[in-house]
Amino acid sequence: MEAFVAAFGLLGYELCEAGDEALAPRYEKVAIYAKDDRPTHAARQLQTGEWTSKCGSLEDITHTLEGLQGSSYGAPAVVMRRRRRDLPQ
């Protein structure tokens, strides 16, 4: 997990407080799913507050964070954010 957090950190993301999945209009958020403490999947929050990701070779889907939780991907373990770049500082 540390390597994934570091990689997103290089892109300008910082860790959110635990449980901070709510829409924050000035930020882009990503959630990293983990199973048995191993990263399995990532999702990006849309401006609507919904989340989107690509499941295998399928098209991108829109979902809730809980919608992908289960035996395949585990559960959202980390949420990170960065200030949206399309807004004035």
Protein backbone atom coordinates (compact mmCIF):
# COMPACT_ATOMS: atom_id res chain seq x y z
CA MET A 1 0.00 0.00 0.00
CA GLU A 2 2.86 2.37 0.79
CA ALA A 3 4.05 2.26 -2.82
CA PHE A 4 0.57 3.15 -4.14
CA VAL A 5 0.24 6.05 -1.68
CA ALA A 6 3.71 7.25 -2.70
CA ALA A 7 2.89 6.99 -6.41
CA PHE A 8 -0.31 9.02 -6.03
CA GLY A 9 1.67 11.43 -3.85
CA LEU A 10 3.98 12.09 -6.80
CA LEU A 11 0.84 13.14 -8.71
CA GLY A 12 -0.05 15.66 -6.01
CA TYR A 13 -2.47 13.58 -3.94
CA GLU A 14 -2.46 13.62 -0.13
CA LEU A 15 -4.11 11.27 2.33
CA CYS A 16 -7.62 12.15 3.50
CA GLU A 17 -8.90 11.68 7.01
CA ALA A 18 -10.37 8.22 7.57
CA GLY A 19 -13.95 8.09 6.30
CA ASP A 20 -13.59 11.24 4.15
CA GLU A 21 -15.22 9.94 0.97
CA ALA A 22 -17.72 12.82 0.64
CA LEU A 23 -17.61 15.12 -2.36
CA ALA A 24 -15.34 18.13 -1.86
CA PRO A 25 -15.90 20.33 -4.93
CA ARG A 26 -12.41 21.85 -4.88
CA TYR A 27 -10.67 18.45 -4.84
CA GLU A 28 -10.22 15.34 -6.98
CA LYS A 29 -10.30 12.15 -4.93
CA VAL A 30 -9.12 8.61 -5.51
CA ALA A 31 -9.85 5.53 -3.43
CA ILE A 32 -7.50 2.57 -3.27
CA TYR A 33 -9.13 -0.77 -2.52
CA ALA A 34 -7.24 -3.50 -0.69
CA LYS A 35 -7.74 -7.14 0.15
CA ASP A 36 -5.59 -8.71 2.86
CA ASP A 37 -3.60 -5.44 3.04
CA ARG A 38 -2.70 -5.66 -0.68
CA PRO A 39 -3.90 -3.01 -3.17
CA THR A 40 -6.34 -4.47 -5.69
CA HIS A 41 -8.16 -1.59 -7.42
CA ALA A 42 -8.50 2.18 -7.62
CA ALA A 43 -11.48 4.43 -8.26
CA ARG A 44 -11.77 8.15 -9.05
CA GLN A 45 -14.51 10.40 -7.74
CA LEU A 46 -16.59 12.26 -10.32
CA GLN A 47 -17.87 15.82 -9.86
CA THR A 48 -21.30 14.31 -9.11
CA GLY A 49 -19.91 12.55 -6.03
CA GLU A 50 -20.17 9.12 -7.66
CA TRP A 51 -17.06 7.04 -8.29
CA THR A 52 -15.75 5.60 -11.55
CA SER A 53 -13.27 2.87 -12.38
CA LYS A 54 -12.39 0.26 -14.94
CA CYS A 55 -13.03 -3.36 -14.04
CA GLY A 56 -10.62 -5.50 -16.01
CA SER A 57 -10.94 -4.99 -19.76
CA LEU A 58 -14.53 -3.76 -19.50
CA GLU A 59 -15.66 -0.17 -20.02
CA ASP A 60 -15.48 2.35 -17.19
CA ILE A 61 -18.35 2.02 -14.74
CA THR A 62 -19.94 4.43 -12.27
CA HIS A 63 -20.50 3.11 -8.75
CA THR A 64 -20.49 3.81 -5.04
CA LEU A 65 -17.41 2.86 -3.05
CA GLU A 66 -19.42 0.14 -1.34
CA GLY A 67 -20.65 -1.14 -4.72
CA LEU A 68 -17.32 -2.79 -5.52
CA GLN A 69 -16.60 -3.96 -2.02
CA GLY A 70 -16.42 -7.72 -1.73
CA SER A 71 -14.37 -10.79 -2.48
CA SER A 72 -12.81 -9.50 -5.72
CA TYR A 73 -11.48 -6.10 -4.65
CA GLY A 74 -11.76 -6.10 -0.89
CA ALA A 75 -12.70 -2.73 0.55
CA PRO A 76 -11.64 0.91 0.14
CA ALA A 77 -8.56 1.20 2.36
CA VAL A 78 -7.24 4.66 1.51
CA VAL A 79 -8.80 7.83 0.10
CA MET A 80 -6.52 10.56 -1.24
CA ARG A 81 -7.19 14.00 -2.67
CA ARG A 82 -5.55 16.80 -4.63
CA ARG A 83 -6.77 20.29 -5.45
CA ARG A 84 -8.62 20.37 -8.77
CA ARG A 85 -6.42 21.90 -11.44
CA ASP A 86 -9.28 23.40 -13.44
CA LEU A 87 -10.17 25.85 -10.65
CA PRO A 88 -8.39 29.10 -9.82
CA GLN A 89 -6.04 28.84 -6.87
